[in-house]
Amino acid sequence: MVTMIHSPTLSATELGSDRLLLRKAQEIDREGFIELATDPEVRAYLGGPKPRSDVEWYIDAVGAAGLTSHPGSFVIADITTNRLVGTLALERRSADRPGHVIEDGEELELSYVLRRSAWGAGLAFEAATTVLRAAAGELPDQPVVVVTQTANLRSLKLAARLGFRHVSTFEEFGAEQTLSTAGLHTFTT
């Protein structure tokens, strides 16, 4: 493992691509967030669906804008309709969690989740490429990790398509997880 001094996360609050707008959450995203959290298929590798009442309570407590208030956290919206199709985050992976490629942890970690209606259209690839290119243009070169349940073959395939390479597996949340990594520099345009 390598030791490194941690840099900040991505400062951009809005990014665009051909079909998508990565932006901060708005009140119009409420039903989309509820669907993401309660859909059994969307949550199959994320600990299962959450009860709708719990999700509604949480959104009411933090407000829709609070759901993406951290730097590097975005709603993935259709660029023409502004409708939420998913979420994406490029945030630091906590050092106290398993699955790291640098000695002190805190690597940039890419995570994403899309509504079932958006699956198979290349939107996760487009959103991830957009945010990783922006980060590569703003941040110093460093490793980025993707962690997904080993059983989630679609997510593993997407990570490989993005250029992430398998590093290891480990146990977390009662399931085997796959850790993959790529250098941020590989996403420069």
N, C-alpha and C. Protein backbone atom coordinates (compact mmCIF):
# COMPACT_ATOMS: atom_id res chain seq x y z
N MET A 1 0.83 -1.19 0.00
CA MET A 1 0.00 0.00 0.00
C MET A 1 0.87 1.25 0.00
N VAL A 2 0.32 2.30 -0.53
CA VAL A 2 0.99 3.59 -0.63
C VAL A 2 0.39 4.53 0.41
N THR A 3 1.20 5.39 0.98
CA THR A 3 0.70 6.43 1.86
C THR A 3 0.64 7.71 1.07
N MET A 4 -0.41 8.49 1.29
CA MET A 4 -0.51 9.76 0.57
C MET A 4 -1.19 10.80 1.45
N ILE A 5 -0.95 12.04 1.14
CA ILE A 5 -1.64 13.13 1.82
C ILE A 5 -2.97 13.31 1.10
N HIS A 6 -4.04 13.37 1.85
CA HIS A 6 -5.37 13.43 1.25
C HIS A 6 -5.67 14.82 0.70
N SER A 7 -6.29 14.82 -0.45
CA SER A 7 -6.71 16.06 -1.06
C SER A 7 -8.22 16.19 -0.91
N PRO A 8 -8.71 17.35 -1.20
CA PRO A 8 -10.15 17.54 -1.11
C PRO A 8 -10.89 16.72 -2.17
N THR A 9 -12.18 16.72 -2.07
CA THR A 9 -13.00 16.08 -3.09
C THR A 9 -13.35 17.10 -4.16
N LEU A 10 -14.06 16.66 -5.14
CA LEU A 10 -14.47 17.50 -6.26
C LEU A 10 -15.29 18.70 -5.78
N SER A 11 -14.96 19.87 -6.28
CA SER A 11 -15.68 21.08 -5.84
C SER A 11 -16.89 21.40 -6.71
N ALA A 12 -16.97 20.85 -7.91
CA ALA A 12 -18.08 21.17 -8.82
C ALA A 12 -19.42 20.83 -8.19
N THR A 13 -20.41 21.67 -8.41
CA THR A 13 -21.76 21.40 -7.92
C THR A 13 -22.71 21.04 -9.05
N GLU A 14 -22.24 21.20 -10.29
CA GLU A 14 -23.05 20.85 -11.45
C GLU A 14 -22.13 20.50 -12.60
N LEU A 15 -22.44 19.39 -13.27
CA LEU A 15 -21.69 18.93 -14.42
C LEU A 15 -22.67 18.44 -15.48
N GLY A 16 -22.32 18.62 -16.73
CA GLY A 16 -23.21 18.16 -17.80
C GLY A 16 -22.52 17.22 -18.76
N SER A 17 -23.33 16.40 -19.41
CA SER A 17 -22.85 15.52 -20.47
C SER A 17 -23.89 15.56 -21.59
N ASP A 18 -23.75 14.71 -22.57
CA ASP A 18 -24.70 14.74 -23.69
C ASP A 18 -26.14 14.53 -23.25
N ARG A 19 -26.36 13.57 -22.36
CA ARG A 19 -27.74 13.23 -21.96
C ARG A 19 -28.07 13.55 -20.52
N LEU A 20 -27.06 13.93 -19.73
CA LEU A 20 -27.26 14.03 -18.29
C LEU A 20 -26.83 15.37 -17.71
N LEU A 21 -27.46 15.70 -16.60
CA LEU A 21 -27.04 16.82 -15.77
C LEU A 21 -26.79 16.26 -14.38
N LEU A 22 -25.57 16.40 -13.90
CA LEU A 22 -25.24 16.01 -12.53
C LEU A 22 -25.35 17.29 -11.72
N ARG A 23 -26.26 17.28 -10.75
CA ARG A 23 -26.57 18.50 -10.02
C ARG A 23 -26.90 18.15 -8.57
N LYS A 24 -27.08 19.16 -7.77
CA LYS A 24 -27.51 18.99 -6.39
C LYS A 24 -29.01 18.69 -6.36
N ALA A 25 -29.44 18.02 -5.31
CA ALA A 25 -30.84 17.62 -5.17
C ALA A 25 -31.75 18.83 -5.00
N GLN A 26 -32.97 18.67 -5.48
CA GLN A 26 -34.01 19.68 -5.36
C GLN A 26 -35.28 19.00 -4.84
N GLU A 27 -36.23 19.77 -4.41
CA GLU A 27 -37.47 19.21 -3.87
C GLU A 27 -38.19 18.33 -4.90
N ILE A 28 -38.05 18.65 -6.19
CA ILE A 28 -38.70 17.85 -7.24
C ILE A 28 -38.15 16.42 -7.31
N ASP A 29 -37.05 16.14 -6.63
CA ASP A 29 -36.42 14.82 -6.66
C ASP A 29 -36.97 13.87 -5.60
N ARG A 30 -37.85 14.36 -4.75
CA ARG A 30 -38.34 13.58 -3.61
C ARG A 30 -38.82 12.17 -4.02
N GLU A 31 -39.72 12.08 -4.96
CA GLU A 31 -40.26 10.77 -5.36
C GLU A 31 -39.19 9.87 -5.96
N GLY A 32 -38.25 10.47 -6.68
CA GLY A 32 -37.15 9.69 -7.24
C GLY A 32 -36.28 9.08 -6.15
N PHE A 33 -35.99 9.87 -5.12
CA PHE A 33 -35.21 9.35 -4.00
C PHE A 33 -35.97 8.23 -3.29
N ILE A 34 -37.26 8.42 -3.12
CA ILE A 34 -38.07 7.39 -2.46
C ILE A 34 -38.05 6.10 -3.29
N GLU A 35 -38.20 6.23 -4.59
CA GLU A 35 -38.16 5.04 -5.45
C GLU A 35 -36.81 4.33 -5.36
N LEU A 36 -35.72 5.08 -5.41
CA LEU A 36 -34.39 4.46 -5.31
C LEU A 36 -34.22 3.67 -4.02
N ALA A 37 -34.73 4.20 -2.93
CA ALA A 37 -34.53 3.59 -1.62
C ALA A 37 -35.49 2.44 -1.32
N THR A 38 -36.63 2.39 -2.03
CA THR A 38 -37.64 1.39 -1.70
C THR A 38 -37.78 0.29 -2.76
N ASP A 39 -37.15 0.43 -3.90
CA ASP A 39 -37.26 -0.55 -4.98
C ASP A 39 -36.42 -1.78 -4.64
N PRO A 40 -37.04 -2.96 -4.52
CA PRO A 40 -36.30 -4.17 -4.15
C PRO A 40 -35.20 -4.55 -5.15
N GLU A 41 -35.43 -4.32 -6.44
CA GLU A 41 -34.40 -4.66 -7.42
C GLU A 41 -33.24 -3.68 -7.39
N VAL A 42 -33.52 -2.39 -7.26
CA VAL A 42 -32.47 -1.38 -7.16
C VAL A 42 -31.62 -1.63 -5.92
N ARG A 43 -32.26 -2.02 -4.82
CA ARG A 43 -31.57 -2.22 -3.54
C ARG A 43 -31.11 -3.65 -3.30
N ALA A 44 -31.17 -4.51 -4.32
CA ALA A 44 -30.83 -5.93 -4.16
C ALA A 44 -29.43 -6.14 -3.59
N TYR A 45 -28.47 -5.31 -3.97
CA TYR A 45 -27.08 -5.45 -3.50
C TYR A 45 -26.69 -4.34 -2.54
N LEU A 46 -27.70 -3.64 -2.02
CA LEU A 46 -27.46 -2.51 -1.13
C LEU A 46 -28.18 -2.68 0.21
N GLY A 47 -28.36 -3.91 0.62
CA GLY A 47 -29.00 -4.16 1.91
C GLY A 47 -30.50 -4.28 1.85
N GLY A 48 -31.08 -4.30 0.67
CA GLY A 48 -32.52 -4.47 0.52
C GLY A 48 -33.27 -3.15 0.58
N PRO A 49 -34.55 -3.19 0.22
CA PRO A 49 -35.35 -1.97 0.21
C PRO A 49 -35.60 -1.47 1.63
N LYS A 50 -35.75 -0.16 1.72
CA LYS A 50 -36.07 0.48 3.01
C LYS A 50 -37.57 0.75 3.05
N PRO A 51 -38.16 0.75 4.23
CA PRO A 51 -39.59 1.09 4.31
C PRO A 51 -39.83 2.53 3.85
N ARG A 52 -40.87 2.72 3.06
CA ARG A 52 -41.18 4.04 2.52
C ARG A 52 -41.31 5.08 3.63
N SER A 53 -41.97 4.72 4.73
CA SER A 53 -42.16 5.68 5.82
C SER A 53 -40.82 6.14 6.41
N ASP A 54 -39.84 5.24 6.50
CA ASP A 54 -38.52 5.62 6.99
C ASP A 54 -37.83 6.58 6.03
N VAL A 55 -37.95 6.31 4.74
CA VAL A 55 -37.32 7.16 3.73
C VAL A 55 -37.97 8.55 3.74
N GLU A 56 -39.29 8.59 3.78
CA GLU A 56 -39.99 9.87 3.83
C GLU A 56 -39.60 10.66 5.07
N TRP A 57 -39.53 9.99 6.22
CA TRP A 57 -39.14 10.66 7.46
C TRP A 57 -37.74 11.26 7.31
N TYR A 58 -36.80 10.49 6.74
CA TYR A 58 -35.42 10.98 6.59
C TYR A 58 -35.37 12.18 5.65
N ILE A 59 -36.06 12.11 4.53
CA ILE A 59 -36.06 13.24 3.59
C ILE A 59 -36.67 14.47 4.25
N ASP A 60 -37.74 14.28 5.01
CA ASP A 60 -38.35 15.41 5.72
C ASP A 60 -37.37 16.00 6.74
N ALA A 61 -36.59 15.13 7.39
CA ALA A 61 -35.66 15.59 8.43
C ALA A 61 -34.49 16.39 7.87
N VAL A 62 -33.92 15.94 6.74
CA VAL A 62 -32.74 16.62 6.19
C VAL A 62 -33.07 17.55 5.04
N GLY A 63 -34.26 17.40 4.47
CA GLY A 63 -34.63 18.17 3.29
C GLY A 63 -34.01 17.56 2.04
N ALA A 64 -34.66 17.70 0.93
CA ALA A 64 -34.16 17.12 -0.32
C ALA A 64 -32.75 17.61 -0.62
N ALA A 65 -32.49 18.90 -0.44
CA ALA A 65 -31.17 19.46 -0.74
C ALA A 65 -30.09 18.83 0.14
N GLY A 66 -30.45 18.41 1.34
CA GLY A 66 -29.49 17.79 2.24
C GLY A 66 -29.01 16.44 1.78
N LEU A 67 -29.73 15.81 0.86
CA LEU A 67 -29.36 14.48 0.40
C LEU A 67 -28.10 14.49 -0.46
N THR A 68 -27.77 15.62 -1.06
CA THR A 68 -26.55 15.73 -1.87
C THR A 68 -25.72 16.93 -1.43
N SER A 69 -25.77 17.26 -0.16
CA SER A 69 -25.07 18.45 0.31
C SER A 69 -23.55 18.28 0.39
N HIS A 70 -23.06 17.06 0.46
CA HIS A 70 -21.61 16.83 0.53
C HIS A 70 -20.95 17.10 -0.82
N PRO A 71 -19.75 17.64 -0.81
CA PRO A 71 -19.02 17.80 -2.07
C PRO A 71 -18.85 16.45 -2.77
N GLY A 72 -19.05 16.45 -4.07
CA GLY A 72 -18.90 15.22 -4.85
C GLY A 72 -20.14 14.36 -4.91
N SER A 73 -21.23 14.81 -4.32
CA SER A 73 -22.48 14.05 -4.30
C SER A 73 -23.48 14.71 -5.24
N PHE A 74 -24.09 13.91 -6.14
CA PHE A 74 -24.93 14.47 -7.19
C PHE A 74 -26.21 13.66 -7.41
N VAL A 75 -27.22 14.34 -7.89
CA VAL A 75 -28.36 13.71 -8.55
C VAL A 75 -27.95 13.56 -10.00
N ILE A 76 -28.26 12.43 -10.59
CA ILE A 76 -28.10 12.24 -12.04
C ILE A 76 -29.48 12.51 -12.63
N ALA A 77 -29.58 13.57 -13.42
CA ALA A 77 -30.87 13.96 -14.00
C ALA A 77 -30.81 13.92 -15.52
N ASP A 78 -31.92 13.58 -16.13
CA ASP A 78 -32.05 13.64 -17.58
C ASP A 78 -31.90 15.11 -17.98
N ILE A 79 -31.05 15.38 -18.95
CA ILE A 79 -30.74 16.77 -19.30
C ILE A 79 -31.94 17.51 -19.92
N THR A 80 -32.86 16.80 -20.55
CA THR A 80 -34.00 17.48 -21.16
C THR A 80 -35.17 17.63 -20.21
N THR A 81 -35.42 16.64 -19.36
CA THR A 81 -36.58 16.70 -18.47
C THR A 81 -36.23 17.12 -17.04
N ASN A 82 -34.96 17.09 -16.68
CA ASN A 82 -34.48 17.36 -15.33
C ASN A 82 -34.97 16.32 -14.31
N ARG A 83 -35.49 15.19 -14.79
CA ARG A 83 -36.01 14.12 -13.93
C ARG A 83 -34.85 13.30 -13.36
N LEU A 84 -34.90 13.03 -12.07
CA LEU A 84 -33.89 12.21 -11.41
C LEU A 84 -33.91 10.80 -12.00
N VAL A 85 -32.74 10.35 -12.48
CA VAL A 85 -32.61 8.96 -12.94
C VAL A 85 -31.73 8.17 -11.99
N GLY A 86 -31.01 8.85 -11.10
CA GLY A 86 -30.17 8.16 -10.14
C GLY A 86 -29.36 9.14 -9.32
N THR A 87 -28.41 8.58 -8.59
CA THR A 87 -27.48 9.39 -7.81
C THR A 87 -26.07 8.88 -8.03
N LEU A 88 -25.11 9.75 -7.81
CA LEU A 88 -23.70 9.40 -7.96
C LEU A 88 -22.92 10.19 -6.92
N ALA A 89 -21.91 9.54 -6.36
CA ALA A 89 -21.05 10.24 -5.40
C ALA A 89 -19.60 9.89 -5.68
N LEU A 90 -18.74 10.87 -5.57
CA LEU A 90 -17.30 10.70 -5.58
C LEU A 90 -16.82 11.34 -4.28
N GLU A 91 -16.74 10.50 -3.25
CA GLU A 91 -16.44 10.98 -1.90
C GLU A 91 -15.31 10.13 -1.32
N ARG A 92 -14.78 10.53 -0.19
CA ARG A 92 -13.71 9.79 0.48
C ARG A 92 -14.25 8.56 1.18
N ARG A 93 -13.60 7.42 0.98
CA ARG A 93 -13.97 6.18 1.66
C ARG A 93 -13.36 6.23 3.06
N SER A 94 -14.21 6.15 4.06
CA SER A 94 -13.78 6.26 5.45
C SER A 94 -12.70 5.24 5.79
N ALA A 95 -11.66 5.70 6.46
CA ALA A 95 -10.54 4.84 6.83
C ALA A 95 -10.94 3.71 7.76
N ASP A 96 -12.05 3.86 8.49
CA ASP A 96 -12.45 2.82 9.43
C ASP A 96 -13.25 1.69 8.76
N ARG A 97 -13.50 1.79 7.46
CA ARG A 97 -14.18 0.73 6.72
C ARG A 97 -13.13 -0.15 6.06
N PRO A 98 -13.44 -1.40 5.81
CA PRO A 98 -12.50 -2.25 5.07
C PRO A 98 -12.45 -1.86 3.60
N GLY A 99 -11.42 -2.32 2.89
CA GLY A 99 -11.34 -2.09 1.45
C GLY A 99 -10.62 -0.82 1.07
N HIS A 100 -9.29 -0.89 1.07
CA HIS A 100 -8.48 0.28 0.72
C HIS A 100 -7.29 -0.12 -0.14
N VAL A 101 -6.76 0.86 -0.87
CA VAL A 101 -5.55 0.64 -1.67
C VAL A 101 -4.41 1.54 -1.22
N ILE A 102 -4.67 2.45 -0.29
CA ILE A 102 -3.60 3.25 0.31
C ILE A 102 -3.59 3.00 1.81
N GLU A 103 -2.45 3.14 2.40
CA GLU A 103 -2.24 2.76 3.79
C GLU A 103 -3.21 3.43 4.76
N ASP A 104 -3.43 4.71 4.61
CA ASP A 104 -4.28 5.45 5.54
C ASP A 104 -5.76 5.48 5.14
N GLY A 105 -6.11 4.87 4.03
CA GLY A 105 -7.49 4.91 3.57
C GLY A 105 -7.86 6.29 3.05
N GLU A 106 -9.13 6.58 3.06
CA GLU A 106 -9.65 7.88 2.62
C GLU A 106 -9.46 8.12 1.12
N GLU A 107 -9.41 7.04 0.32
CA GLU A 107 -9.34 7.21 -1.13
C GLU A 107 -10.65 7.79 -1.65
N LEU A 108 -10.60 8.35 -2.83
CA LEU A 108 -11.83 8.73 -3.51
C LEU A 108 -12.57 7.44 -3.85
N GLU A 109 -13.87 7.41 -3.56
CA GLU A 109 -14.69 6.24 -3.87
C GLU A 109 -15.85 6.68 -4.74
N LEU A 110 -16.02 5.99 -5.86
CA LEU A 110 -17.11 6.24 -6.78
C LEU A 110 -18.26 5.29 -6.44
N SER A 111 -19.44 5.84 -6.26
CA SER A 111 -20.63 5.00 -6.06
C SER A 111 -21.78 5.60 -6.86
N TYR A 112 -22.72 4.75 -7.24
CA TYR A 112 -23.82 5.19 -8.08
C TYR A 112 -24.98 4.23 -7.90
N VAL A 113 -26.16 4.73 -8.14
CA VAL A 113 -27.37 3.92 -8.15
C VAL A 113 -28.35 4.59 -9.10
N LEU A 114 -28.99 3.78 -9.93
CA LEU A 114 -29.93 4.30 -10.92
C LEU A 114 -31.30 3.65 -10.75
N ARG A 115 -32.33 4.40 -11.09
CA ARG A 115 -33.68 3.84 -11.14
C ARG A 115 -33.68 2.69 -12.14
N ARG A 116 -34.50 1.70 -11.87
CA ARG A 116 -34.58 0.54 -12.75
C ARG A 116 -34.91 0.94 -14.18
N SER A 117 -35.76 1.95 -14.35
CA SER A 117 -36.15 2.40 -15.69
C SER A 117 -34.96 2.97 -16.48
N ALA A 118 -33.86 3.27 -15.80
CA ALA A 118 -32.68 3.85 -16.47
C ALA A 118 -31.59 2.81 -16.72
N TRP A 119 -31.80 1.58 -16.29
CA TRP A 119 -30.78 0.54 -16.47
C TRP A 119 -30.61 0.20 -17.95
N GLY A 120 -29.38 -0.14 -18.32
CA GLY A 120 -29.10 -0.67 -19.64
C GLY A 120 -28.95 0.37 -20.74
N ALA A 121 -29.00 1.64 -20.40
CA ALA A 121 -28.92 2.69 -21.42
C ALA A 121 -27.56 3.39 -21.43
N GLY A 122 -26.61 2.92 -20.61
CA GLY A 122 -25.29 3.54 -20.56
C GLY A 122 -25.23 4.81 -19.73
N LEU A 123 -26.28 5.09 -18.96
CA LEU A 123 -26.32 6.33 -18.19
C LEU A 123 -25.35 6.33 -17.02
N ALA A 124 -25.17 5.20 -16.35
CA ALA A 124 -24.21 5.13 -15.24
C ALA A 124 -22.80 5.35 -15.76
N PHE A 125 -22.47 4.75 -16.90
CA PHE A 125 -21.16 4.95 -17.52
C PHE A 125 -20.95 6.42 -17.87
N GLU A 126 -21.96 7.04 -18.47
CA GLU A 126 -21.85 8.44 -18.87
C GLU A 126 -21.69 9.35 -17.65
N ALA A 127 -22.47 9.11 -16.61
CA ALA A 127 -22.39 9.93 -15.40
C ALA A 127 -21.04 9.74 -14.71
N ALA A 128 -20.58 8.49 -14.59
CA ALA A 128 -19.31 8.22 -13.93
C ALA A 128 -18.15 8.84 -14.71
N THR A 129 -18.16 8.69 -16.01
CA THR A 129 -17.11 9.26 -16.85
C THR A 129 -17.08 10.79 -16.70
N THR A 130 -18.24 11.40 -16.66
CA THR A 130 -18.33 12.86 -16.52
C THR A 130 -17.70 13.32 -15.22
N VAL A 131 -18.07 12.69 -14.11
CA VAL A 131 -17.55 13.13 -12.81
C VAL A 131 -16.06 12.78 -12.66
N LEU A 132 -15.64 11.65 -13.17
CA LEU A 132 -14.22 11.28 -13.06
C LEU A 132 -13.34 12.19 -13.92
N ARG A 133 -13.80 12.58 -15.08
CA ARG A 133 -13.04 13.53 -15.91
C ARG A 133 -12.94 14.89 -15.24
N ALA A 134 -14.03 15.34 -14.63
CA ALA A 134 -14.00 16.61 -13.91
C ALA A 134 -13.02 16.54 -12.74
N ALA A 135 -13.04 15.43 -12.01
CA ALA A 135 -12.13 15.26 -10.88
C ALA A 135 -10.68 15.20 -11.35
N ALA A 136 -10.43 14.53 -12.46
CA ALA A 136 -9.07 14.42 -12.99
C ALA A 136 -8.54 15.79 -13.40
N GLY A 137 -9.42 16.68 -13.84
CA GLY A 137 -9.01 18.02 -14.22
C GLY A 137 -8.82 18.95 -13.04
N GLU A 138 -9.34 18.58 -11.88
CA GLU A 138 -9.30 19.46 -10.73
C GLU A 138 -8.39 18.97 -9.61
N LEU A 139 -8.30 17.68 -9.42
CA LEU A 139 -7.58 17.10 -8.28
C LEU A 139 -6.26 16.48 -8.70
N PRO A 140 -5.30 16.36 -7.79
CA PRO A 140 -4.06 15.66 -8.12
C PRO A 140 -4.34 14.19 -8.37
N ASP A 141 -3.46 13.56 -9.14
CA ASP A 141 -3.60 12.14 -9.43
C ASP A 141 -3.60 11.35 -8.12
N GLN A 142 -4.49 10.38 -8.03
CA GLN A 142 -4.63 9.54 -6.85
C GLN A 142 -5.49 8.35 -7.22
N PRO A 143 -5.49 7.31 -6.39
CA PRO A 143 -6.36 6.18 -6.69
C PRO A 143 -7.82 6.50 -6.40
N VAL A 144 -8.68 5.94 -7.24
CA VAL A 144 -10.12 5.97 -7.03
C VAL A 144 -10.55 4.53 -6.89
N VAL A 145 -11.46 4.25 -5.96
CA VAL A 145 -11.93 2.88 -5.78
C VAL A 145 -13.42 2.79 -6.07
N VAL A 146 -13.81 1.59 -6.47
CA VAL A 146 -15.21 1.20 -6.58
C VAL A 146 -15.34 -0.06 -5.75
N VAL A 147 -16.31 -0.09 -4.86
CA VAL A 147 -16.58 -1.27 -4.05
C VAL A 147 -18.01 -1.70 -4.33
N THR A 148 -18.19 -2.95 -4.69
CA THR A 148 -19.53 -3.47 -4.96
C THR A 148 -19.62 -4.91 -4.53
N GLN A 149 -20.81 -5.36 -4.21
CA GLN A 149 -20.98 -6.77 -3.87
C GLN A 149 -20.51 -7.61 -5.05
N THR A 150 -19.75 -8.63 -4.75
CA THR A 150 -19.24 -9.52 -5.79
C THR A 150 -20.38 -10.14 -6.60
N ALA A 151 -21.53 -10.32 -5.99
CA ALA A 151 -22.69 -10.88 -6.68
C ALA A 151 -23.30 -9.91 -7.69
N ASN A 152 -22.97 -8.63 -7.62
CA ASN A 152 -23.54 -7.63 -8.50
C ASN A 152 -22.75 -7.58 -9.81
N LEU A 153 -23.03 -8.51 -10.68
CA LEU A 153 -22.26 -8.65 -11.92
C LEU A 153 -22.38 -7.43 -12.83
N ARG A 154 -23.53 -6.79 -12.86
CA ARG A 154 -23.71 -5.59 -13.70
C ARG A 154 -22.77 -4.46 -13.24
N SER A 155 -22.67 -4.27 -11.92
CA SER A 155 -21.81 -3.22 -11.40
C SER A 155 -20.33 -3.56 -11.62
N LEU A 156 -19.97 -4.82 -11.48
CA LEU A 156 -18.59 -5.23 -11.74
C LEU A 156 -18.23 -4.99 -13.21
N LYS A 157 -19.17 -5.30 -14.10
CA LYS A 157 -18.94 -5.09 -15.53
C LYS A 157 -18.78 -3.60 -15.84
N LEU A 158 -19.60 -2.76 -15.21
CA LEU A 158 -19.47 -1.31 -15.40
C LEU A 158 -18.13 -0.81 -14.90
N ALA A 159 -17.70 -1.26 -13.73
CA ALA A 159 -16.40 -0.84 -13.20
C ALA A 159 -15.27 -1.21 -14.17
N ALA A 160 -15.32 -2.42 -14.71
CA ALA A 160 -14.30 -2.85 -15.68
C ALA A 160 -14.37 -1.99 -16.95
N ARG A 161 -15.57 -1.70 -17.42
CA ARG A 161 -15.73 -0.87 -18.62
C ARG A 161 -15.17 0.53 -18.40
N LEU A 162 -15.29 1.04 -17.17
CA LEU A 162 -14.74 2.35 -16.83
C LEU A 162 -13.22 2.33 -16.72
N GLY A 163 -12.61 1.14 -16.64
CA GLY A 163 -11.16 1.02 -16.54
C GLY A 163 -10.66 0.66 -15.16
N PHE A 164 -11.56 0.33 -14.24
CA PHE A 164 -11.14 -0.09 -12.90
C PHE A 164 -10.67 -1.54 -12.97
N ARG A 165 -9.62 -1.85 -12.21
CA ARG A 165 -9.11 -3.23 -12.19
C ARG A 165 -9.32 -3.82 -10.80
N HIS A 166 -9.64 -5.09 -10.79
CA HIS A 166 -9.90 -5.83 -9.55
C HIS A 166 -8.65 -5.87 -8.69
N VAL A 167 -8.79 -5.58 -7.39
CA VAL A 167 -7.68 -5.61 -6.45
C VAL A 167 -7.85 -6.73 -5.44
N SER A 168 -9.03 -6.80 -4.82
CA SER A 168 -9.24 -7.80 -3.77
C SER A 168 -10.73 -7.95 -3.47
N THR A 169 -11.01 -8.91 -2.61
CA THR A 169 -12.36 -9.06 -2.08
C THR A 169 -12.27 -9.06 -0.56
N PHE A 170 -13.36 -8.70 0.09
CA PHE A 170 -13.42 -8.68 1.54
C PHE A 170 -14.88 -8.77 1.96
N GLU A 171 -15.12 -9.00 3.22
CA GLU A 171 -16.47 -9.12 3.76
C GLU A 171 -16.90 -7.80 4.39
N GLU A 172 -18.08 -7.32 4.02
CA GLU A 172 -18.69 -6.15 4.65
C GLU A 172 -20.19 -6.24 4.43
N PHE A 173 -20.96 -5.81 5.40
CA PHE A 173 -22.42 -5.84 5.33
C PHE A 173 -22.95 -7.25 5.08
N GLY A 174 -22.24 -8.25 5.60
CA GLY A 174 -22.69 -9.63 5.49
C GLY A 174 -22.57 -10.23 4.10
N ALA A 175 -21.75 -9.63 3.24
CA ALA A 175 -21.60 -10.15 1.87
C ALA A 175 -20.18 -9.89 1.38
N GLU A 176 -19.74 -10.71 0.44
CA GLU A 176 -18.43 -10.49 -0.16
C GLU A 176 -18.49 -9.26 -1.07
N GLN A 177 -17.51 -8.39 -0.90
CA GLN A 177 -17.39 -7.16 -1.68
C GLN A 177 -16.15 -7.26 -2.57
N THR A 178 -16.21 -6.66 -3.73
CA THR A 178 -15.06 -6.59 -4.64
C THR A 178 -14.55 -5.16 -4.66
N LEU A 179 -13.25 -5.02 -4.45
CA LEU A 179 -12.57 -3.72 -4.49
C LEU A 179 -11.84 -3.61 -5.82
N SER A 180 -12.12 -2.56 -6.56
CA SER A 180 -11.45 -2.27 -7.82
C SER A 180 -10.90 -0.86 -7.77
N THR A 181 -9.85 -0.60 -8.53
CA THR A 181 -9.23 0.72 -8.49
C THR A 181 -8.76 1.16 -9.88
N ALA A 182 -8.64 2.48 -10.02
CA ALA A 182 -8.07 3.11 -11.21
C ALA A 182 -7.40 4.38 -10.75
N GLY A 183 -6.38 4.80 -11.47
CA GLY A 183 -5.75 6.08 -11.18
C GLY A 183 -6.59 7.20 -11.75
N LEU A 184 -6.72 8.27 -11.00
CA LEU A 184 -7.53 9.41 -11.47
C LEU A 184 -7.01 9.94 -12.80
N HIS A 185 -5.70 9.88 -13.02
CA HIS A 185 -5.11 10.39 -14.25
C HIS A 185 -5.64 9.67 -15.50
N THR A 186 -6.16 8.46 -15.36
CA THR A 186 -6.64 7.72 -16.53
C THR A 186 -7.93 8.31 -17.08
N PHE A 187 -8.51 9.27 -16.40
CA PHE A 187 -9.77 9.87 -16.84
C PHE A 187 -9.59 11.26 -17.44
N THR A 188 -8.35 11.69 -17.65
CA THR A 188 -8.14 12.99 -18.29
C THR A 188 -8.57 12.89 -19.74
N THR A 189 -9.10 14.00 -20.25
CA THR A 189 -9.62 13.98 -21.62
C THR A 189 -8.59 14.44 -22.61
